[in-house]
Amino acid sequence: MKSNLWIEGLSDAIGFVGGALLGFWIGRLLGLDIFAPGYGNASIGGIVLVGLGGGAGLQLARRWRSRATGNNNPKE
């Protein structure tokens, strides 16, 4: 039981951080900088891409984990 929680937490973290980094670098390629001063369109667009990337990475990690364990319900 304890190792299952460890695997769940670790895979969620890796998926989220990996997706957020992917969103960050896609934003950089499109000229969107989340660290730009102020809250201009480029800064907000970059923040949105990081958030979407993190959420997508988390969902992919959960789907991968549910397939690896043979569980069809990723919410469990």
Foldseek 3Di string as FASTA:
>chain_A
DVVVVVLLVVLLVCLLVVQLVVLQVVLVVVVAHCPDPDDDPSNVSSVVSSVVRSVVSNVVSLVVVCVVVVHPDSVD
